[in-house]
Amino acid sequence: MDHLAPNFPVVGHVLRRWRMCVLCVAVFVMLFQLGGRGLNELDEGRYSEGGREMLASGDYLTPRLNGVRHFAKPPLTYWAIASSMGVFGVNEFGARFPAALSALATLLAVYLIGRRAMGEAGALWSVVVLLTSVLFLGVARLITTDMILTCWVTWSVWALWRWHDLPSRRWIDLVPFYVFLGLGIMTKGPVAVVLPLFAAAGLRWRNPDLRMLRMGWLRGILVILAIALPWFVVVTMRNPGLLGYFLGREVAGRVLSDVHGRGEVWWYFLPVLAGGLLPWTPWLAMVPLVRRGLPEREARLLRMCAVWAGAGLLLFTLSRSKLPTYMVPLLPPLALITVMTLLRLPLVLKPEGMARVRRCCGVISVLVLIGAGVFMLVTGPRKYDLPLPLAMIPLLLAVITTGVVLVVFEKRGLLPGVGMLAVSVLAVSVSLFSLIPQFEMRLGSKTPAKFIAARIMAEDPRQESVVLMHGNLPLGLPFYLQRPVLWYRPPTESAKSASGFEYRDASNLAETILDDPSKLQALFEGQPRVFCVADKQYAADLIKQYGLHELANDGRRLLLVNSKQ
């Protein structure tokens, strides 16, 4: 344990207890209230409904959303969600479980990478830092492809790091690397290969002993194709024009154009990454102080992680399509670098310098946590009608735990203080997880569709009526109703891309989408009872023009019904 600070002696039985403690905390944090809130729109509704329709239809080849074929992403995420809901039921927990499981698997991969370079203690600290990073903690409980992608990317880097560490370096030992690359492609396409290749380039840097040409690329590509190619071949043969859609809109379009409406300023990801790594960002910034004099194994890990994260950041910056969750695959290398900094700082700084660094970073981290509590206190009652006593819980926890953090930093030293800081982050986060269900009906554009769906099912328990969505389609609505709904796009919306329905032909849309106002009028005047879920901007005109009645209002959408009983 030569890399540990002298004031933090560690023995085997302590590490074993700590390992079990970290494991239990990680599982608890990932699963606590996982199904306690509704599906946010649009992403959570989209992926959950895609998985539900796979499970309901038994067709695991063609992803569908609201009955319409949907090929914006490869199918592995839908397969995972459908399988999870087959075990846990069609509910929020079943839909989110694959993301939470992927987060736990990512933590395990980081632990294994860190243990080979920094020993048991360094590996456990790496897990703690990653688990308590704001962006990782948030996305681990969201239904997106990004956490599953992060899992495969991190495991592929682990396979590469393990192979590099073996004395023989046989090709057969590298097969897991290519398997994880193939699974990553089936999750989110080519980016799953590019990021591990960045890590491989970093591992090769100043490491002439590693011959990249000896990695058996030709055989490896065959392994990747065996995993990823069959599905693409079958669906492109069955769906004319799909190959051009994949290569044009979903690959080139995301990188070279703003076809998906996600363009941002070039420096967009810099604050996202800095904020997403909080409260550990100040410690990461001190890596220049420790990069010299590292043992060779840690130096190689540092170079690998630096290129993995740095080149990845450059890649996403150059891409025209930008979302905060794109940064999640870059958090594991940053967590490993942060821990190297934490473990080495006491060895390279004099005691007085270490004290100043400890106080400075401790105060910054404390201010971040208290700021989160103040934000909830200010916005909760005013914006979300959250009772004041409930809104005060995160702030009280932040004040109490961060006060302890500062005392521990001062009295016990760096690593005990870091541990208390992690406890503080988790305490505030768990309190927020508990509070979100109290105000989720007032989340604006992210309001779950479950409230409207519950009212429809209460009014029509046998589901004999027609359900029509007028305006933007919340894909959580067919998920909660467990059946497709009709969707009418007003003329003002018809020119816009319908999120999730970019690949389409006449037969693809005929059964679920209305685009003729005369058909809309005939529907309201016909025999079936019609429940119309309308965006607020259209509700008044619908009530006036068609004589509809308001049944419910979730803050963003109104539930209207015609006069049929």
Protein backbone atom coordinates (compact mmCIF):
# COMPACT_ATOMS: atom_id res chain seq x y z
CA MET A 1 0.00 0.00 0.00
CA ASP A 2 2.83 2.42 -0.80
CA HIS A 3 0.42 4.72 -2.58
CA LEU A 4 -1.69 5.43 0.51
CA ALA A 5 -1.21 8.44 2.71
CA PRO A 6 0.86 7.62 5.83
CA ASN A 7 -1.95 8.80 8.12
CA PHE A 8 -4.39 6.24 6.71
CA PRO A 9 -3.13 2.78 7.60
CA VAL A 10 -5.13 -0.03 6.05
CA VAL A 11 -5.14 -3.70 6.92
CA GLY A 12 -6.79 -6.60 5.19
CA HIS A 13 -9.83 -7.08 7.40
CA VAL A 14 -10.63 -3.35 7.26
CA LEU A 15 -10.56 -3.43 3.47
CA ARG A 16 -12.84 -6.47 3.40
CA ARG A 17 -15.39 -4.72 5.61
CA TRP A 18 -15.08 -1.56 3.56
CA ARG A 19 -15.60 -3.50 0.34
CA MET A 20 -18.83 -5.01 1.68
CA CYS A 21 -19.97 -1.61 2.93
CA VAL A 22 -19.35 0.05 -0.45
CA LEU A 23 -21.19 -2.79 -2.22
CA CYS A 24 -24.25 -2.53 0.03
CA VAL A 25 -24.38 1.28 -0.24
CA ALA A 26 -24.06 1.17 -4.05
CA VAL A 27 -26.89 -1.37 -4.39
CA PHE A 28 -29.10 0.59 -2.01
CA VAL A 29 -28.53 3.92 -3.76
CA MET A 30 -29.17 2.43 -7.20
CA LEU A 31 -32.41 0.68 -6.21
CA PHE A 32 -33.88 3.05 -3.61
CA GLN A 33 -37.14 4.56 -4.95
CA LEU A 34 -36.16 3.40 -8.43
CA GLY A 35 -39.79 2.88 -9.33
CA GLY A 36 -41.12 5.61 -7.06
CA ARG A 37 -41.63 8.26 -9.74
CA GLY A 38 -43.26 8.35 -13.14
CA LEU A 39 -41.53 8.20 -16.50
CA ASN A 40 -40.12 11.53 -17.60
CA GLU A 41 -40.70 12.61 -21.18
CA LEU A 42 -39.37 12.13 -23.72
CA ASP A 43 -36.54 9.62 -23.26
CA GLU A 44 -37.90 7.53 -20.40
CA GLY A 45 -41.28 7.22 -22.08
CA ARG A 46 -39.67 6.33 -25.39
CA TYR A 47 -37.42 3.51 -24.18
CA SER A 48 -39.96 2.09 -21.74
CA GLU A 49 -42.72 1.94 -24.34
CA GLY A 50 -40.36 0.36 -26.86
CA GLY A 51 -39.51 -2.38 -24.37
CA ARG A 52 -43.15 -2.87 -23.38
CA GLU A 53 -44.27 -3.29 -26.98
CA MET A 54 -41.52 -5.85 -27.57
CA LEU A 55 -42.67 -7.80 -24.53
CA ALA A 56 -46.34 -7.57 -25.50
CA SER A 57 -45.88 -8.51 -29.17
CA GLY A 58 -43.10 -11.06 -28.78
CA ASP A 59 -41.34 -9.39 -31.74
CA TYR A 60 -37.81 -8.73 -30.50
CA LEU A 61 -36.49 -7.92 -33.95
CA THR A 62 -38.36 -4.70 -34.75
CA PRO A 63 -38.56 -1.97 -32.09
CA ARG A 64 -41.89 -0.14 -32.13
CA LEU A 65 -43.20 2.98 -30.44
CA ASN A 66 -46.95 3.40 -30.25
CA GLY A 67 -47.23 0.68 -32.88
CA VAL A 68 -44.86 2.43 -35.30
CA ARG A 69 -41.51 0.93 -36.32
CA HIS A 70 -38.68 2.80 -34.65
CA PHE A 71 -35.00 2.40 -35.56
CA ALA A 72 -33.35 5.46 -34.04
CA LYS A 73 -31.25 3.19 -31.79
CA PRO A 74 -30.04 -0.43 -31.98
CA PRO A 75 -32.24 -2.85 -30.04
CA LEU A 76 -30.15 -3.94 -27.06
CA THR A 77 -31.61 -1.31 -24.71
CA TYR A 78 -35.14 -2.39 -25.66
CA TRP A 79 -34.21 -6.04 -25.21
CA ALA A 80 -32.90 -5.32 -21.73
CA ILE A 81 -35.99 -3.34 -20.73
CA ALA A 82 -38.38 -5.94 -22.15
CA SER A 83 -36.55 -8.73 -20.29
CA SER A 84 -36.56 -6.73 -17.06
CA MET A 85 -40.28 -6.02 -17.30
CA GLY A 86 -40.85 -9.69 -18.00
CA VAL A 87 -39.38 -10.33 -14.53
CA PHE A 88 -40.53 -7.31 -12.52
CA GLY A 89 -43.71 -6.40 -14.38
CA VAL A 90 -44.64 -3.51 -16.66
CA ASN A 91 -43.82 -0.69 -14.26
CA GLU A 92 -41.24 2.01 -13.65
CA PHE A 93 -38.94 -0.23 -11.60
CA GLY A 94 -38.87 -2.87 -14.32
CA ALA A 95 -38.13 -0.24 -16.96
CA ARG A 96 -35.31 1.42 -14.98
CA PHE A 97 -33.67 -1.71 -13.62
CA PRO A 98 -31.36 -2.25 -16.66
CA ALA A 99 -29.92 1.26 -16.26
CA ALA A 100 -29.34 0.76 -12.53
CA LEU A 101 -27.81 -2.67 -13.15
CA SER A 102 -25.54 -1.16 -15.82
CA ALA A 103 -24.41 1.48 -13.33
CA LEU A 104 -23.53 -1.21 -10.77
CA ALA A 105 -21.65 -3.16 -13.46
CA THR A 106 -19.76 0.02 -14.40
CA LEU A 107 -18.74 0.49 -10.77
CA LEU A 108 -17.46 -3.09 -10.71
CA ALA A 109 -15.41 -2.53 -13.87
CA VAL A 110 -13.89 0.64 -12.40
CA TYR A 111 -13.06 -1.29 -9.23
CA LEU A 112 -11.27 -3.99 -11.23
CA ILE A 113 -9.30 -1.46 -13.30
CA GLY A 114 -8.33 0.51 -10.20
CA ARG A 115 -7.31 -2.59 -8.24
CA ARG A 116 -4.78 -3.62 -10.88
CA ALA A 117 -3.11 -0.21 -10.76
CA MET A 118 -3.69 1.22 -7.27
CA GLY A 119 -4.47 -1.74 -5.07
CA GLU A 120 -7.63 -2.56 -3.13
CA ALA A 121 -7.96 0.76 -1.35
CA GLY A 122 -7.50 2.78 -4.55
CA ALA A 123 -10.09 0.63 -6.29
CA LEU A 124 -12.67 1.19 -3.56
CA TRP A 125 -12.06 4.92 -3.52
CA SER A 126 -12.57 4.95 -7.30
CA VAL A 127 -15.97 3.33 -6.83
CA VAL A 128 -16.89 5.86 -4.13
CA VAL A 129 -15.89 8.85 -6.27
CA LEU A 130 -17.78 7.60 -9.33
CA LEU A 131 -20.87 6.60 -7.33
CA THR A 132 -21.12 10.06 -5.74
CA SER A 133 -20.50 12.08 -8.92
CA VAL A 134 -23.61 14.11 -9.63
CA LEU A 135 -24.05 13.16 -13.30
CA PHE A 136 -23.38 9.46 -12.79
CA LEU A 137 -25.74 9.27 -9.83
CA GLY A 138 -28.51 10.97 -11.79
CA VAL A 139 -28.20 9.10 -15.10
CA ALA A 140 -27.92 5.73 -13.31
CA ARG A 141 -31.60 6.16 -12.40
CA LEU A 142 -32.77 7.32 -15.85
CA ILE A 143 -33.88 5.19 -18.77
CA THR A 144 -31.45 6.10 -21.55
CA THR A 145 -28.88 4.29 -23.65
CA ASP A 146 -26.00 6.27 -22.10
CA MET A 147 -25.55 4.28 -18.89
CA ILE A 148 -25.71 0.96 -20.72
CA LEU A 149 -23.20 2.31 -23.24
CA THR A 150 -20.95 3.43 -20.36
CA CYS A 151 -21.09 -0.09 -18.96
CA TRP A 152 -19.86 -1.71 -22.19
CA VAL A 153 -17.21 0.97 -22.80
CA THR A 154 -15.80 0.61 -19.28
CA TRP A 155 -15.78 -3.18 -19.43
CA SER A 156 -14.04 -3.10 -22.81
CA VAL A 157 -11.35 -0.86 -21.33
CA TRP A 158 -11.04 -3.27 -18.39
CA ALA A 159 -10.54 -6.16 -20.84
CA LEU A 160 -7.84 -4.17 -22.64
CA TRP A 161 -6.12 -3.20 -19.38
CA ARG A 162 -6.22 -6.80 -18.15
CA TRP A 163 -4.81 -8.14 -21.43
CA HIS A 164 -2.03 -5.54 -21.35
CA ASP A 165 -1.15 -6.70 -17.82
CA LEU A 166 -0.83 -10.38 -18.75
CA PRO A 167 2.67 -11.72 -19.44
CA SER A 168 1.60 -13.82 -22.43
CA ARG A 169 -0.87 -11.43 -24.10
CA ARG A 170 -2.56 -14.16 -26.11
CA TRP A 171 -5.27 -13.18 -28.54
CA ILE A 172 -7.80 -15.43 -26.81
CA ASP A 173 -7.43 -13.29 -23.68
CA LEU A 174 -8.51 -10.26 -25.72
CA VAL A 175 -11.79 -11.77 -26.92
CA PRO A 176 -13.80 -10.10 -24.10
CA PHE A 177 -12.58 -6.72 -25.40
CA TYR A 178 -14.16 -7.35 -28.79
CA VAL A 179 -17.29 -8.88 -27.27
CA PHE A 180 -17.91 -5.73 -25.23
CA LEU A 181 -17.32 -3.59 -28.33
CA GLY A 182 -19.97 -5.59 -30.18
CA LEU A 183 -22.46 -5.21 -27.33
CA GLY A 184 -21.73 -1.49 -27.25
CA ILE A 185 -22.52 -1.19 -30.97
CA MET A 186 -25.83 -2.95 -30.33
CA THR A 187 -26.53 -0.30 -27.70
CA LYS A 188 -25.56 2.97 -29.38
CA GLY A 189 -23.62 2.39 -32.55
CA PRO A 190 -20.02 3.29 -33.55
CA VAL A 191 -19.26 5.53 -30.56
CA ALA A 192 -18.99 2.35 -28.47
CA VAL A 193 -15.89 1.42 -30.48
CA VAL A 194 -14.30 4.86 -30.72
CA LEU A 195 -14.07 5.54 -26.97
CA PRO A 196 -12.25 2.27 -26.10
CA LEU A 197 -9.89 2.90 -29.02
CA PHE A 198 -9.02 6.23 -27.41
CA ALA A 199 -8.19 4.34 -24.22
CA ALA A 200 -6.05 1.91 -26.24
CA ALA A 201 -4.14 4.85 -27.76
CA GLY A 202 -3.55 6.24 -24.27
CA LEU A 203 -2.28 2.88 -23.07
CA ARG A 204 0.12 2.72 -26.02
CA TRP A 205 1.46 6.22 -25.26
CA ARG A 206 5.04 5.94 -23.90
CA ASN A 207 4.58 2.18 -23.73
CA PRO A 208 6.67 0.66 -26.55
CA ASP A 209 6.18 -2.76 -24.99
CA LEU A 210 2.55 -2.71 -26.17
CA ARG A 211 2.25 -3.58 -29.87
CA MET A 212 -1.17 -2.50 -31.15
CA LEU A 213 -0.74 -4.54 -34.32
CA ARG A 214 -0.59 -7.70 -32.25
CA MET A 215 -4.14 -7.28 -30.95
CA GLY A 216 -5.60 -9.51 -33.67
CA TRP A 217 -7.78 -6.82 -35.20
CA LEU A 218 -9.00 -8.94 -38.11
CA ARG A 219 -10.23 -11.75 -35.86
CA GLY A 220 -11.55 -9.15 -33.43
CA ILE A 221 -13.59 -7.47 -36.16
CA LEU A 222 -15.10 -10.86 -36.99
CA VAL A 223 -16.14 -11.23 -33.33
CA ILE A 224 -17.73 -7.76 -33.40
CA LEU A 225 -19.55 -8.49 -36.65
CA ALA A 226 -20.81 -11.81 -35.34
CA ILE A 227 -22.51 -9.93 -32.49
CA ALA A 228 -23.67 -6.74 -34.19
CA LEU A 229 -24.15 -7.50 -37.89
CA PRO A 230 -27.02 -10.07 -37.99
CA TRP A 231 -29.66 -7.72 -36.61
CA PHE A 232 -28.65 -4.86 -38.92
CA VAL A 233 -28.68 -7.15 -41.97
CA VAL A 234 -32.10 -8.61 -41.22
CA VAL A 235 -33.86 -5.31 -40.46
CA THR A 236 -32.35 -3.50 -43.46
CA MET A 237 -33.48 -6.31 -45.74
CA ARG A 238 -36.99 -6.14 -44.31
CA ASN A 239 -37.22 -2.33 -44.34
CA PRO A 240 -36.28 -0.63 -47.65
CA GLY A 241 -34.34 2.58 -47.19
CA LEU A 242 -33.32 1.78 -43.64
CA LEU A 243 -29.60 1.49 -44.41
CA GLY A 244 -29.52 5.06 -45.70
CA TYR A 245 -31.44 6.18 -42.61
CA PHE A 246 -28.89 4.49 -40.32
CA LEU A 247 -25.83 5.89 -42.08
CA GLY A 248 -27.25 9.28 -43.01
CA ARG A 249 -29.50 10.49 -40.24
CA GLU A 250 -28.38 8.44 -37.24
CA VAL A 251 -24.59 8.42 -37.80
CA ALA A 252 -23.53 11.28 -40.08
CA GLY A 253 -26.52 13.44 -39.12
CA ARG A 254 -25.75 13.35 -35.42
CA VAL A 255 -22.09 14.24 -35.93
CA LEU A 256 -22.15 16.65 -38.87
CA SER A 257 -25.54 18.40 -38.67
CA ASP A 258 -28.20 19.62 -36.27
CA VAL A 259 -30.89 17.43 -37.83
CA HIS A 260 -31.99 16.28 -34.35
CA GLY A 261 -32.28 19.83 -32.97
CA ARG A 262 -29.59 19.37 -30.33
CA GLY A 263 -27.04 21.93 -31.45
CA GLU A 264 -25.25 23.91 -28.72
CA VAL A 265 -22.23 26.20 -28.38
CA TRP A 266 -18.87 24.48 -28.89
CA TRP A 267 -17.91 24.72 -25.19
CA TYR A 268 -21.22 23.21 -24.03
CA PHE A 269 -19.67 20.04 -22.58
CA LEU A 270 -17.01 21.80 -20.50
CA PRO A 271 -19.40 23.02 -17.78
CA VAL A 272 -21.47 19.83 -18.13
CA LEU A 273 -18.43 17.68 -17.37
CA ALA A 274 -17.14 19.96 -14.63
CA GLY A 275 -20.56 20.06 -12.99
CA GLY A 276 -21.22 16.38 -13.58
CA LEU A 277 -18.09 15.36 -11.67
CA LEU A 278 -18.96 17.46 -8.62
CA PRO A 279 -18.11 17.39 -5.76
CA TRP A 280 -14.80 15.95 -7.01
CA THR A 281 -13.98 18.50 -9.72
CA PRO A 282 -11.60 20.56 -7.49
CA TRP A 283 -9.57 17.44 -6.69
CA LEU A 284 -9.34 16.46 -10.35
CA ALA A 285 -7.98 19.91 -11.16
CA MET A 286 -4.94 19.14 -8.99
CA VAL A 287 -3.71 16.24 -11.11
CA PRO A 288 -0.74 18.31 -12.44
CA LEU A 289 0.66 18.32 -8.87
CA VAL A 290 0.95 14.53 -8.77
CA ARG A 291 1.55 13.40 -12.35
CA ARG A 292 5.33 13.36 -11.90
CA GLY A 293 6.87 10.58 -9.87
CA LEU A 294 3.97 8.16 -10.22
CA PRO A 295 4.85 4.44 -10.23
CA GLU A 296 4.94 3.11 -13.79
CA ARG A 297 1.69 1.18 -13.48
CA GLU A 298 -0.21 4.23 -12.20
CA ALA A 299 1.44 6.43 -14.84
CA ARG A 300 0.14 4.12 -17.55
CA LEU A 301 -3.32 4.20 -16.04
CA LEU A 302 -3.17 8.00 -15.91
CA ARG A 303 -2.20 8.26 -19.57
CA MET A 304 -4.87 5.78 -20.62
CA CYS A 305 -7.60 7.59 -18.69
CA ALA A 306 -6.42 11.04 -19.82
CA VAL A 307 -6.65 10.13 -23.51
CA TRP A 308 -9.91 8.22 -22.96
CA ALA A 309 -11.54 11.27 -21.37
CA GLY A 310 -9.72 14.02 -23.29
CA ALA A 311 -10.16 12.60 -26.80
CA GLY A 312 -13.72 11.62 -25.91
CA LEU A 313 -14.48 15.19 -24.86
CA LEU A 314 -13.01 16.47 -28.12
CA LEU A 315 -15.09 14.00 -30.13
CA PHE A 316 -18.35 15.01 -28.48
CA THR A 317 -17.42 18.69 -28.74
CA LEU A 318 -16.92 18.40 -32.50
CA SER A 319 -20.26 16.62 -32.86
CA ARG A 320 -23.20 18.90 -33.66
CA SER A 321 -25.59 16.84 -31.53
CA LYS A 322 -25.14 17.57 -27.82
CA LEU A 323 -26.89 16.29 -24.69
CA PRO A 324 -25.58 16.30 -21.08
CA THR A 325 -25.88 12.50 -20.82
CA TYR A 326 -23.26 12.07 -23.57
CA MET A 327 -20.63 12.82 -20.92
CA VAL A 328 -21.40 9.78 -18.77
CA PRO A 329 -18.88 7.43 -20.51
CA LEU A 330 -16.12 9.92 -19.62
CA LEU A 331 -16.81 9.83 -15.88
CA PRO A 332 -15.10 6.45 -15.12
CA PRO A 333 -11.64 7.61 -16.33
CA LEU A 334 -12.04 10.92 -14.52
CA ALA A 335 -12.95 9.09 -11.31
CA LEU A 336 -9.79 6.97 -11.58
CA ILE A 337 -7.65 10.07 -12.19
CA THR A 338 -9.28 11.83 -9.24
CA VAL A 339 -8.44 8.95 -6.90
CA MET A 340 -4.83 8.91 -8.07
CA THR A 341 -4.69 12.59 -7.16
CA LEU A 342 -6.27 12.05 -3.76
CA LEU A 343 -3.92 9.23 -2.86
CA ARG A 344 -0.77 10.98 -4.04
CA LEU A 345 -1.35 14.53 -2.81
CA PRO A 346 -0.24 13.84 0.80
CA LEU A 347 3.00 12.40 -0.53
CA VAL A 348 3.97 15.31 -2.76
CA LEU A 349 2.81 18.29 -0.67
CA LYS A 350 4.21 19.54 2.59
CA PRO A 351 1.82 19.36 5.57
CA GLU A 352 1.01 23.07 5.49
CA GLY A 353 0.32 22.95 1.73
CA MET A 354 -1.81 19.87 2.16
CA ALA A 355 -3.83 21.60 4.86
CA ARG A 356 -4.56 24.56 2.58
CA VAL A 357 -5.57 22.29 -0.30
CA ARG A 358 -7.79 20.23 1.99
CA ARG A 359 -9.59 23.27 3.37
CA CYS A 360 -10.02 24.91 -0.01
CA CYS A 361 -11.47 21.86 -1.75
CA GLY A 362 -13.53 20.95 1.30
CA VAL A 363 -15.12 24.40 1.41
CA ILE A 364 -15.88 24.32 -2.33
CA SER A 365 -17.52 20.91 -2.04
CA VAL A 366 -19.52 22.00 0.99
CA LEU A 367 -20.77 25.10 -0.83
CA VAL A 368 -21.95 22.93 -3.72
CA LEU A 369 -23.95 20.67 -1.41
CA ILE A 370 -25.47 23.52 0.57
CA GLY A 371 -26.25 25.28 -2.71
CA ALA A 372 -28.26 22.24 -3.81
CA GLY A 373 -30.20 22.36 -0.55
CA VAL A 374 -30.86 26.10 -0.88
CA PHE A 375 -32.03 25.63 -4.47
CA MET A 376 -34.59 23.05 -3.36
CA LEU A 377 -35.71 25.28 -0.48
CA VAL A 378 -36.23 28.26 -2.79
CA THR A 379 -37.78 26.51 -5.78
CA GLY A 380 -39.66 23.68 -4.08
CA PRO A 381 -42.49 25.64 -2.40
CA ARG A 382 -42.69 28.34 -5.08
CA LYS A 383 -42.45 26.32 -8.29
CA TYR A 384 -43.60 22.84 -7.27
CA ASP A 385 -45.94 23.60 -4.35
CA LEU A 386 -43.76 21.41 -2.13
CA PRO A 387 -44.56 21.87 1.59
CA LEU A 388 -41.89 23.96 3.27
CA PRO A 389 -40.93 21.31 5.88
CA LEU A 390 -40.23 18.81 3.09
CA ALA A 391 -38.29 21.35 1.05
CA MET A 392 -36.06 22.00 4.06
CA ILE A 393 -34.92 18.37 4.39
CA PRO A 394 -32.12 18.48 1.75
CA LEU A 395 -30.80 21.77 3.14
CA LEU A 396 -30.79 20.51 6.73
CA LEU A 397 -28.99 17.33 5.69
CA ALA A 398 -26.48 19.35 3.68
CA VAL A 399 -25.74 21.72 6.56
CA ILE A 400 -25.37 18.94 9.14
CA THR A 401 -23.31 16.53 7.05
CA THR A 402 -21.08 19.17 5.48
CA GLY A 403 -20.38 20.60 8.91
CA VAL A 404 -19.15 17.17 9.88
CA VAL A 405 -17.14 17.02 6.65
CA LEU A 406 -15.19 20.16 7.52
CA VAL A 407 -14.49 18.92 11.04
CA VAL A 408 -13.31 15.53 9.79
CA PHE A 409 -11.11 17.16 7.15
CA GLU A 410 -9.50 19.29 9.85
CA LYS A 411 -9.16 16.71 12.62
CA ARG A 412 -8.71 13.37 10.81
CA GLY A 413 -7.08 14.24 7.49
CA LEU A 414 -7.71 13.92 3.78
CA LEU A 415 -9.17 10.47 3.16
CA PRO A 416 -11.51 10.34 6.17
CA GLY A 417 -12.76 13.78 5.09
CA VAL A 418 -13.28 12.54 1.55
CA GLY A 419 -15.27 9.61 2.93
CA MET A 420 -17.50 11.95 4.91
CA LEU A 421 -17.97 14.11 1.82
CA ALA A 422 -19.21 11.04 -0.07
CA VAL A 423 -21.61 10.25 2.79
CA SER A 424 -22.90 13.82 2.62
CA VAL A 425 -23.53 13.60 -1.12
CA LEU A 426 -25.42 10.34 -0.72
CA ALA A 427 -27.50 11.65 2.17
CA VAL A 428 -28.64 14.70 0.19
CA SER A 429 -29.22 12.61 -2.95
CA VAL A 430 -31.35 10.02 -1.15
CA SER A 431 -33.46 12.80 0.36
CA LEU A 432 -34.04 14.21 -3.14
CA PHE A 433 -34.99 10.77 -4.46
CA SER A 434 -37.60 10.62 -1.69
CA LEU A 435 -38.98 14.09 -2.47
CA ILE A 436 -39.29 13.90 -6.26
CA PRO A 437 -42.58 11.91 -6.18
CA GLN A 438 -44.07 14.74 -4.10
CA PHE A 439 -43.81 17.28 -6.91
CA GLU A 440 -43.42 15.30 -10.13
CA MET A 441 -46.88 16.37 -11.33
CA ARG A 442 -45.50 19.91 -11.68
CA LEU A 443 -42.32 19.21 -13.64
CA GLY A 444 -43.45 21.14 -16.71
CA SER A 445 -42.24 19.54 -19.95
CA LYS A 446 -40.96 16.51 -17.97
CA THR A 447 -44.29 15.80 -16.27
CA PRO A 448 -44.98 12.04 -16.36
CA ALA A 449 -48.04 10.94 -18.30
CA LYS A 450 -49.05 8.55 -15.53
CA PHE A 451 -51.49 11.03 -13.93
CA ILE A 452 -53.47 11.52 -17.14
CA ALA A 453 -53.34 7.79 -17.87
CA ALA A 454 -54.66 6.96 -14.39
CA ARG A 455 -57.66 9.25 -14.89
CA ILE A 456 -58.41 7.69 -18.29
CA MET A 457 -58.33 4.19 -16.80
CA ALA A 458 -60.55 5.30 -13.91
CA GLU A 459 -63.11 6.71 -16.36
CA ASP A 460 -62.81 3.77 -18.77
CA PRO A 461 -61.64 0.70 -16.82
CA ARG A 462 -62.49 -1.66 -19.69
CA GLN A 463 -60.51 0.50 -22.15
CA GLU A 464 -63.29 0.56 -24.71
CA SER A 465 -62.92 4.23 -25.64
CA VAL A 466 -60.59 5.89 -28.12
CA VAL A 467 -57.59 7.78 -26.71
CA LEU A 468 -56.23 10.60 -28.87
CA MET A 469 -53.12 12.70 -28.29
CA HIS A 470 -53.33 16.18 -29.80
CA GLY A 471 -49.94 17.91 -30.09
CA ASN A 472 -46.71 16.46 -28.72
CA LEU A 473 -46.97 12.74 -28.02
CA PRO A 474 -45.82 11.70 -24.51
CA LEU A 475 -44.70 8.11 -25.05
CA GLY A 476 -45.37 7.36 -21.40
CA LEU A 477 -49.10 7.54 -22.23
CA PRO A 478 -49.26 4.30 -24.29
CA PHE A 479 -46.89 2.74 -21.73
CA TYR A 480 -49.27 3.36 -18.83
CA LEU A 481 -52.38 2.54 -20.86
CA GLN A 482 -50.55 -0.52 -22.25
CA ARG A 483 -51.96 0.08 -25.72
CA PRO A 484 -51.22 2.42 -28.64
CA VAL A 485 -53.06 5.75 -28.85
CA LEU A 486 -54.09 7.84 -31.84
CA TRP A 487 -51.91 10.87 -32.46
CA TYR A 488 -52.96 14.04 -34.28
CA ARG A 489 -50.29 16.56 -35.22
CA PRO A 490 -51.68 20.07 -35.73
CA PRO A 491 -50.59 21.88 -38.94
CA THR A 492 -48.19 24.03 -36.89
CA GLU A 493 -46.40 20.87 -35.77
CA SER A 494 -46.55 18.85 -39.00
CA ALA A 495 -43.31 20.25 -40.40
CA LYS A 496 -41.38 19.37 -37.27
CA SER A 497 -39.62 16.06 -36.77
CA ALA A 498 -41.73 13.74 -34.66
CA SER A 499 -39.31 12.52 -32.03
CA GLY A 500 -38.97 8.76 -32.25
CA PHE A 501 -40.79 8.45 -35.61
CA GLU A 502 -38.18 9.71 -38.05
CA TYR A 503 -38.12 6.47 -40.09
CA ARG A 504 -41.52 6.02 -41.65
CA ASP A 505 -43.52 5.15 -44.74
CA ALA A 506 -47.27 5.13 -45.40
CA SER A 507 -47.88 1.67 -43.91
CA ASN A 508 -45.72 2.54 -40.94
CA LEU A 509 -47.99 5.34 -39.76
CA ALA A 510 -51.47 4.69 -41.08
CA GLU A 511 -52.89 3.03 -37.99
CA THR A 512 -51.76 5.44 -35.29
CA ILE A 513 -51.30 8.94 -36.76
CA LEU A 514 -54.03 11.30 -37.98
CA ASP A 515 -53.01 14.17 -40.25
CA ASP A 516 -56.35 15.28 -41.67
CA PRO A 517 -58.53 17.77 -39.71
CA SER A 518 -61.69 16.30 -41.28
CA LYS A 519 -60.83 12.88 -39.82
CA LEU A 520 -60.34 14.51 -36.44
CA GLN A 521 -63.79 16.07 -36.57
CA ALA A 522 -65.37 12.79 -37.68
CA LEU A 523 -63.70 11.03 -34.75
CA PHE A 524 -65.16 13.44 -32.19
CA GLU A 525 -68.62 13.25 -33.76
CA GLY A 526 -68.60 9.46 -34.13
CA GLN A 527 -69.93 6.74 -31.88
CA PRO A 528 -67.00 5.88 -29.57
CA ARG A 529 -66.27 7.93 -26.53
CA VAL A 530 -63.02 9.85 -27.18
CA PHE A 531 -60.51 10.94 -24.55
CA CYS A 532 -58.32 13.68 -25.98
CA VAL A 533 -55.01 14.52 -24.25
CA ALA A 534 -54.04 17.97 -25.50
CA ASP A 535 -51.20 20.37 -24.90
CA LYS A 536 -52.41 23.49 -23.12
CA GLN A 537 -51.83 25.67 -26.18
CA TYR A 538 -54.46 23.70 -28.15
CA ALA A 539 -56.97 22.88 -25.41
CA ALA A 540 -59.09 26.06 -25.54
CA ASP A 541 -59.62 25.79 -29.31
CA LEU A 542 -60.56 22.10 -29.03
CA ILE A 543 -63.12 22.81 -26.32
CA LYS A 544 -64.64 25.63 -28.38
CA GLN A 545 -64.58 23.92 -31.78
CA TYR A 546 -65.67 20.40 -30.85
CA GLY A 547 -67.60 20.93 -27.60
CA LEU A 548 -65.19 18.87 -25.49
CA HIS A 549 -65.21 18.87 -21.69
CA GLU A 550 -62.21 19.08 -19.37
CA LEU A 551 -61.69 16.13 -17.01
CA ALA A 552 -58.17 16.64 -15.66
CA ASN A 553 -55.11 18.86 -15.87
CA ASP A 554 -51.57 17.72 -15.01
CA GLY A 555 -49.98 21.15 -15.37
CA ARG A 556 -48.89 20.75 -18.96
CA ARG A 557 -51.63 18.71 -20.62
CA LEU A 558 -55.44 18.69 -20.35
CA LEU A 559 -57.59 15.58 -20.53
CA LEU A 560 -60.69 16.35 -22.59
CA VAL A 561 -63.65 14.13 -23.47
CA ASN A 562 -66.47 14.40 -25.98
CA SER A 563 -70.08 14.18 -24.88
CA LYS A 564 -70.42 10.41 -25.48
CA GLN A 565 -71.06 8.43 -22.28
